[in-house]
C-alpha cells in the first residue's frame, strides 16, 4: 500500500489538514508546535 502512495512525505504534505490529523491520530502520533521556532 505504501508503495502505491509514492513518497509518503509528499502525500502528507499535500493532504487535507483534517485527513492528515486523522492519520496522525490513528498512528498514535502527538505533534508539538514551537511557535517561536515555527517548528513541529
N, C-alpha and C. Protein backbone atom coordinates (compact mmCIF):
# COMPACT_ATOMS: atom_id res chain seq x y z
N UNK A 1 0.83 -1.20 0.00
CA UNK A 1 0.00 0.00 0.00
C UNK A 1 0.87 1.26 0.00
N UNK A 2 1.93 1.25 0.79
CA UNK A 2 2.80 2.42 0.87
C UNK A 2 3.45 2.70 -0.49
N UNK A 3 3.88 1.64 -1.18
CA UNK A 3 4.50 1.83 -2.49
C UNK A 3 3.54 2.50 -3.46
N UNK A 4 2.25 2.19 -3.35
CA UNK A 4 1.26 2.78 -4.24
C UNK A 4 1.08 4.27 -3.98
N UNK A 5 1.30 4.69 -2.75
CA UNK A 5 1.14 6.11 -2.42
C UNK A 5 2.29 6.95 -2.94
N UNK A 6 3.43 6.34 -3.12
CA UNK A 6 4.61 7.10 -3.51
C UNK A 6 5.29 7.65 -2.28
N UNK A 7 6.05 8.72 -2.44
CA UNK A 7 6.75 9.30 -1.29
C UNK A 7 5.74 9.81 -0.25
N UNK A 8 5.68 9.13 0.89
CA UNK A 8 4.67 9.43 1.91
C UNK A 8 4.79 10.88 2.40
N UNK A 9 6.00 11.40 2.44
CA UNK A 9 6.19 12.79 2.87
C UNK A 9 5.44 13.73 1.93
N UNK A 10 5.53 13.50 0.63
CA UNK A 10 4.84 14.35 -0.35
C UNK A 10 3.34 14.20 -0.23
N UNK A 11 2.89 12.97 -0.02
CA UNK A 11 1.45 12.71 0.10
C UNK A 11 0.89 13.46 1.31
N UNK A 12 1.57 13.36 2.45
CA UNK A 12 1.10 14.03 3.66
C UNK A 12 1.19 15.55 3.54
N UNK A 13 2.20 16.05 2.87
CA UNK A 13 2.36 17.50 2.70
C UNK A 13 1.19 18.09 1.92
N UNK A 14 0.64 17.32 1.01
CA UNK A 14 -0.45 17.82 0.16
C UNK A 14 -1.83 17.40 0.68
N UNK A 15 -1.89 16.65 1.75
CA UNK A 15 -3.16 16.12 2.26
C UNK A 15 -4.00 17.21 2.93
N UNK A 16 -5.29 17.00 2.91
CA UNK A 16 -6.22 17.87 3.63
C UNK A 16 -5.86 17.83 5.12
N UNK A 17 -5.81 18.99 5.79
CA UNK A 17 -5.39 19.01 7.19
C UNK A 17 -6.18 18.07 8.11
N UNK A 18 -7.48 17.95 7.91
CA UNK A 18 -8.27 17.06 8.76
C UNK A 18 -7.92 15.61 8.50
N UNK A 19 -7.73 15.24 7.24
CA UNK A 19 -7.33 13.86 6.91
C UNK A 19 -5.96 13.55 7.51
N UNK A 20 -5.07 14.53 7.43
CA UNK A 20 -3.73 14.36 7.98
C UNK A 20 -3.81 14.17 9.50
N UNK A 21 -4.63 14.95 10.16
CA UNK A 21 -4.80 14.82 11.61
C UNK A 21 -5.35 13.45 11.97
N UNK A 22 -6.28 12.95 11.17
CA UNK A 22 -6.85 11.61 11.41
C UNK A 22 -5.78 10.53 11.28
N UNK A 23 -4.92 10.66 10.26
CA UNK A 23 -3.84 9.69 10.07
C UNK A 23 -2.90 9.71 11.27
N UNK A 24 -2.48 10.91 11.68
CA UNK A 24 -1.57 11.03 12.81
C UNK A 24 -2.19 10.46 14.09
N UNK A 25 -3.48 10.74 14.29
CA UNK A 25 -4.15 10.24 15.49
C UNK A 25 -4.23 8.72 15.47
N UNK A 26 -4.56 8.14 14.32
CA UNK A 26 -4.65 6.69 14.21
C UNK A 26 -3.30 6.02 14.40
N UNK A 27 -2.23 6.72 14.06
CA UNK A 27 -0.88 6.19 14.27
C UNK A 27 -0.39 6.40 15.70
N UNK A 28 -1.15 7.18 16.47
CA UNK A 28 -0.78 7.45 17.85
C UNK A 28 0.28 8.53 17.98
N UNK A 29 0.44 9.35 16.93
CA UNK A 29 1.44 10.41 16.96
C UNK A 29 0.89 11.66 17.66
N UNK A 30 1.73 12.30 18.41
CA UNK A 30 1.38 13.58 19.03
C UNK A 30 2.42 14.59 18.56
N UNK A 31 1.96 15.69 18.00
CA UNK A 31 2.86 16.71 17.48
C UNK A 31 2.85 17.92 18.40
N UNK A 32 4.00 18.53 18.58
CA UNK A 32 4.13 19.73 19.40
C UNK A 32 4.66 20.85 18.53
N UNK A 33 3.96 21.98 18.51
CA UNK A 33 4.37 23.13 17.72
C UNK A 33 5.11 24.11 18.59
N UNK A 34 6.31 24.49 18.16
CA UNK A 34 7.10 25.50 18.84
C UNK A 34 6.96 26.80 18.05
N UNK A 35 6.08 27.67 18.51
CA UNK A 35 5.76 28.87 17.73
C UNK A 35 6.95 29.79 17.53
N UNK A 36 7.81 29.92 18.52
CA UNK A 36 8.97 30.79 18.39
C UNK A 36 9.92 30.33 17.29
N UNK A 37 10.00 29.03 17.09
CA UNK A 37 10.90 28.47 16.07
C UNK A 37 10.17 28.09 14.80
N UNK A 38 8.83 28.15 14.83
CA UNK A 38 8.00 27.73 13.70
C UNK A 38 8.31 26.29 13.30
N UNK A 39 8.41 25.41 14.32
CA UNK A 39 8.72 24.00 14.12
C UNK A 39 7.68 23.11 14.76
N UNK A 40 7.49 21.96 14.18
CA UNK A 40 6.64 20.93 14.76
C UNK A 40 7.52 19.79 15.18
